[in-house]
Amino acid sequence: MKRTLGQRSLDRLYVTGILAVLILSGCRTDRTPRELVAHVGSDKLVTEATWALAKFVSEYKAAPGELPSRFWGKSIRELDPVRVYNHRFNLVVVLESSATEERGVYISAIQSSYAPRDGDDKFSFEPIDGGVYSFVRVK
């Protein structure tokens, strides 16, 4: 049975689509927080976190809560977050979340007086660079 040109094109498109899905589905877990921060740059992240929190607090007249994606800068978006929220005027960028914990990048904003400490609010931290940490938070 001979396949027509249209059928062969559809087959190629199907295979290409499957490969794209397989490649993209693994992107979130391919890199560690340390690798992601090295790629994006800790200085950029701190600057964007500071700006995002100032804008968020100014607009909402409140500090706690999840930041809508319109507040995320380019560098924060490059981390491909599940969600982003304010914690004591610092920015929590969640990269992975389960029923029991969340993991990601914690960014100390310039305007915050809080220095991250293990055990506070069920966080554990590992310094990466210049006010940026990887974190695990038990829910």
C-alpha atoms as a PDB file:
ATOM      1  CA  MET A   1       0.000   0.000   0.000  1.00  0.00           C
ATOM      2  CA  LYS A   2       1.511   3.268  -1.125  1.00  0.00           C
ATOM      3  CA  ARG A   3       1.151   6.365   1.091  1.00  0.00           C
ATOM      4  CA  THR A   4       0.201   9.635  -0.495  1.00  0.00           C
ATOM      5  CA  LEU A   5       2.188  12.837  -0.114  1.00  0.00           C
ATOM      6  CA  GLY A   6      -0.482  14.195   2.251  1.00  0.00           C
ATOM      7  CA  GLN A   7      -0.311  11.121   4.491  1.00  0.00           C
ATOM      8  CA  ARG A   8       3.490  11.317   4.699  1.00  0.00           C
ATOM      9  CA  SER A   9       3.288  15.010   5.622  1.00  0.00           C
ATOM     10  CA  LEU A  10       0.786  14.221   8.366  1.00  0.00           C
ATOM     11  CA  ASP A  11       3.046  11.441   9.668  1.00  0.00           C
ATOM     12  CA  ARG A  12       6.004  13.848   9.856  1.00  0.00           C
ATOM     13  CA  LEU A  13       3.874  16.471  11.584  1.00  0.00           C
ATOM     14  CA  TYR A  14       2.657  13.880  14.103  1.00  0.00           C
ATOM     15  CA  VAL A  15       6.196  12.695  14.909  1.00  0.00           C
ATOM     16  CA  THR A  16       7.439  16.285  15.202  1.00  0.00           C
ATOM     17  CA  GLY A  17       4.580  17.111  17.567  1.00  0.00           C
ATOM     18  CA  ILE A  18       5.311  14.121  19.794  1.00  0.00           C
ATOM     19  CA  LEU A  19       9.003  15.019  19.950  1.00  0.00           C
ATOM     20  CA  ALA A  20       8.173  18.626  20.837  1.00  0.00           C
ATOM     21  CA  VAL A  21       5.863  17.518  23.664  1.00  0.00           C
ATOM     22  CA  LEU A  22       8.478  15.123  25.041  1.00  0.00           C
ATOM     23  CA  ILE A  23      11.188  17.765  24.959  1.00  0.00           C
ATOM     24  CA  LEU A  24       9.061  20.534  26.455  1.00  0.00           C
ATOM     25  CA  SER A  25       7.526  18.386  29.172  1.00  0.00           C
ATOM     26  CA  GLY A  26      10.966  17.777  30.631  1.00  0.00           C
ATOM     27  CA  CYS A  27      12.104  21.407  30.635  1.00  0.00           C
ATOM     28  CA  ARG A  28      10.870  22.303  34.101  1.00  0.00           C
ATOM     29  CA  THR A  29      12.936  19.661  35.889  1.00  0.00           C
ATOM     30  CA  ASP A  30      16.052  19.655  33.711  1.00  0.00           C
ATOM     31  CA  ARG A  31      17.805  22.424  35.614  1.00  0.00           C
ATOM     32  CA  THR A  32      18.393  22.956  39.312  1.00  0.00           C
ATOM     33  CA  PRO A  33      17.606  26.330  40.915  1.00  0.00           C
ATOM     34  CA  ARG A  34      21.363  27.022  41.052  1.00  0.00           C
ATOM     35  CA  GLU A  35      21.712  26.400  37.295  1.00  0.00           C
ATOM     36  CA  LEU A  36      18.670  28.539  36.511  1.00  0.00           C
ATOM     37  CA  VAL A  37      19.972  31.443  38.600  1.00  0.00           C
ATOM     38  CA  ALA A  38      23.404  31.168  36.974  1.00  0.00           C
ATOM     39  CA  HIS A  39      21.742  31.327  33.552  1.00  0.00           C
ATOM     40  CA  VAL A  40      19.469  34.284  34.372  1.00  0.00           C
ATOM     41  CA  GLY A  41      21.750  36.208  36.761  1.00  0.00           C
ATOM     42  CA  SER A  42      21.222  36.883  40.452  1.00  0.00           C
ATOM     43  CA  ASP A  43      21.593  40.665  40.065  1.00  0.00           C
ATOM     44  CA  LYS A  44      18.787  40.756  37.512  1.00  0.00           C
ATOM     45  CA  LEU A  45      16.576  38.631  39.742  1.00  0.00           C
ATOM     46  CA  VAL A  46      17.110  40.852  42.792  1.00  0.00           C
ATOM     47  CA  THR A  47      16.416  43.995  40.746  1.00  0.00           C
ATOM     48  CA  GLU A  48      13.250  42.534  39.223  1.00  0.00           C
ATOM     49  CA  ALA A  49      12.030  41.150  42.558  1.00  0.00           C
ATOM     50  CA  THR A  50      12.498  44.551  44.188  1.00  0.00           C
ATOM     51  CA  TRP A  51      10.605  46.281  41.381  1.00  0.00           C
ATOM     52  CA  ALA A  52       7.835  43.651  41.281  1.00  0.00           C
ATOM     53  CA  LEU A  53       7.178  43.813  45.016  1.00  0.00           C
ATOM     54  CA  ALA A  54       7.173  47.622  45.084  1.00  0.00           C
ATOM     55  CA  LYS A  55       4.727  47.747  42.172  1.00  0.00           C
ATOM     56  CA  PHE A  56       2.547  44.986  43.665  1.00  0.00           C
ATOM     57  CA  VAL A  57       2.315  46.618  47.099  1.00  0.00           C
ATOM     58  CA  SER A  58       1.679  50.033  45.530  1.00  0.00           C
ATOM     59  CA  GLU A  59      -1.136  48.733  43.349  1.00  0.00           C
ATOM     60  CA  TYR A  60      -2.820  46.444  45.867  1.00  0.00           C
ATOM     61  CA  LYS A  61      -2.062  48.490  49.002  1.00  0.00           C
ATOM     62  CA  ALA A  62      -1.199  45.211  50.708  1.00  0.00           C
ATOM     63  CA  ALA A  63       1.847  43.024  50.989  1.00  0.00           C
ATOM     64  CA  PRO A  64       0.803  39.373  51.320  1.00  0.00           C
ATOM     65  CA  GLY A  65      -0.312  37.244  48.456  1.00  0.00           C
ATOM     66  CA  GLU A  66       0.456  35.801  45.079  1.00  0.00           C
ATOM     67  CA  LEU A  67       1.831  38.138  42.417  1.00  0.00           C
ATOM     68  CA  PRO A  68      -0.021  38.032  39.103  1.00  0.00           C
ATOM     69  CA  SER A  69       2.242  37.254  36.140  1.00  0.00           C
ATOM     70  CA  ARG A  70       2.037  40.840  34.858  1.00  0.00           C
ATOM     71  CA  PHE A  71       4.387  41.801  37.718  1.00  0.00           C
ATOM     72  CA  TRP A  72       7.041  39.254  36.751  1.00  0.00           C
ATOM     73  CA  GLY A  73      10.032  40.588  34.872  1.00  0.00           C
ATOM     74  CA  LYS A  74      11.778  38.785  32.039  1.00  0.00           C
ATOM     75  CA  SER A  75      14.321  37.079  34.311  1.00  0.00           C
ATOM     76  CA  ILE A  76      11.621  35.787  36.650  1.00  0.00           C
ATOM     77  CA  ARG A  77       9.642  34.466  33.664  1.00  0.00           C
ATOM     78  CA  GLU A  78      12.755  32.657  32.425  1.00  0.00           C
ATOM     79  CA  LEU A  79      12.697  30.573  35.605  1.00  0.00           C
ATOM     80  CA  ASP A  80       9.325  29.197  34.371  1.00  0.00           C
ATOM     81  CA  PRO A  81       7.556  29.476  37.738  1.00  0.00           C
ATOM     82  CA  VAL A  82       4.481  27.570  38.833  1.00  0.00           C
ATOM     83  CA  ARG A  83       3.591  30.625  40.930  1.00  0.00           C
ATOM     84  CA  VAL A  84       5.231  33.634  42.571  1.00  0.00           C
ATOM     85  CA  TYR A  85       4.326  35.131  45.937  1.00  0.00           C
ATOM     86  CA  ASN A  86       5.446  37.628  48.549  1.00  0.00           C
ATOM     87  CA  HIS A  87       7.016  36.388  51.775  1.00  0.00           C
ATOM     88  CA  ARG A  88       8.062  39.095  54.243  1.00  0.00           C
ATOM     89  CA  PHE A  89       8.753  41.503  51.349  1.00  0.00           C
ATOM     90  CA  ASN A  90      10.895  38.945  49.549  1.00  0.00           C
ATOM     91  CA  LEU A  91       9.898  37.053  46.437  1.00  0.00           C
ATOM     92  CA  VAL A  92       9.218  33.307  46.401  1.00  0.00           C
ATOM     93  CA  VAL A  93       9.425  31.759  42.928  1.00  0.00           C
ATOM     94  CA  VAL A  94       7.893  28.286  43.112  1.00  0.00           C
ATOM     95  CA  LEU A  95       9.329  25.918  40.495  1.00  0.00           C
ATOM     96  CA  GLU A  96       7.834  22.669  41.815  1.00  0.00           C
ATOM     97  CA  SER A  97       4.858  22.050  44.073  1.00  0.00           C
ATOM     98  CA  SER A  98       3.349  18.903  45.547  1.00  0.00           C
ATOM     99  CA  ALA A  99       0.817  18.157  48.254  1.00  0.00           C
ATOM    100  CA  THR A 100       3.565  18.173  50.896  1.00  0.00           C
ATOM    101  CA  GLU A 101       6.158  20.745  49.779  1.00  0.00           C
ATOM    102  CA  GLU A 102       7.212  23.399  47.322  1.00  0.00           C
ATOM    103  CA  ARG A 103      10.672  24.073  45.893  1.00  0.00           C
ATOM    104  CA  GLY A 104      12.212  26.910  44.002  1.00  0.00           C
ATOM    105  CA  VAL A 105      14.107  30.185  44.185  1.00  0.00           C
ATOM    106  CA  TYR A 106      13.823  32.691  47.046  1.00  0.00           C
ATOM    107  CA  ILE A 107      14.915  36.244  46.206  1.00  0.00           C
ATOM    108  CA  SER A 108      15.752  38.785  48.908  1.00  0.00           C
ATOM    109  CA  ALA A 109      14.445  42.136  47.756  1.00  0.00           C
ATOM    110  CA  ILE A 110      16.378  45.297  48.543  1.00  0.00           C
ATOM    111  CA  GLN A 111      13.508  46.837  50.561  1.00  0.00           C
ATOM    112  CA  SER A 112      13.151  43.813  52.863  1.00  0.00           C
ATOM    113  CA  SER A 113      14.661  43.727  56.331  1.00  0.00           C
ATOM    114  CA  TYR A 114      14.048  39.973  56.630  1.00  0.00           C
ATOM    115  CA  ALA A 115      17.058  37.705  56.215  1.00  0.00           C
ATOM    116  CA  PRO A 116      16.028  34.141  55.312  1.00  0.00           C
ATOM    117  CA  ARG A 117      16.590  31.644  58.139  1.00  0.00           C
ATOM    118  CA  ASP A 118      16.030  27.910  58.123  1.00  0.00           C
ATOM    119  CA  GLY A 119      12.920  26.922  60.028  1.00  0.00           C
ATOM    120  CA  ASP A 120      11.071  30.229  59.624  1.00  0.00           C
ATOM    121  CA  ASP A 121       7.608  29.508  58.225  1.00  0.00           C
ATOM    122  CA  LYS A 122       8.707  25.940  57.369  1.00  0.00           C
ATOM    123  CA  PHE A 123      11.389  27.076  54.883  1.00  0.00           C
ATOM    124  CA  SER A 124      14.877  25.665  54.483  1.00  0.00           C
ATOM    125  CA  PHE A 125      17.357  27.680  52.423  1.00  0.00           C
ATOM    126  CA  GLU A 126      20.597  27.147  50.547  1.00  0.00           C
ATOM    127  CA  PRO A 127      22.429  30.288  49.426  1.00  0.00           C
ATOM    128  CA  ILE A 128      23.081  30.551  45.685  1.00  0.00           C
ATOM    129  CA  ASP A 129      24.428  34.051  45.045  1.00  0.00           C
ATOM    130  CA  GLY A 130      23.884  37.680  46.042  1.00  0.00           C
ATOM    131  CA  GLY A 131      20.636  37.431  48.022  1.00  0.00           C
ATOM    132  CA  VAL A 132      19.238  34.539  45.997  1.00  0.00           C
ATOM    133  CA  TYR A 133      18.584  31.137  47.561  1.00  0.00           C
ATOM    134  CA  SER A 134      17.162  27.783  46.628  1.00  0.00           C
ATOM    135  CA  PHE A 135      14.452  26.723  49.033  1.00  0.00           C
ATOM    136  CA  VAL A 136      12.240  23.888  50.156  1.00  0.00           C
ATOM    137  CA  ARG A 137       9.070  24.740  52.067  1.00  0.00           C
ATOM    138  CA  VAL A 138       7.036  22.076  53.836  1.00  0.00           C
ATOM    139  CA  LYS A 139       3.293  22.691  53.563  1.00  0.00           C
END
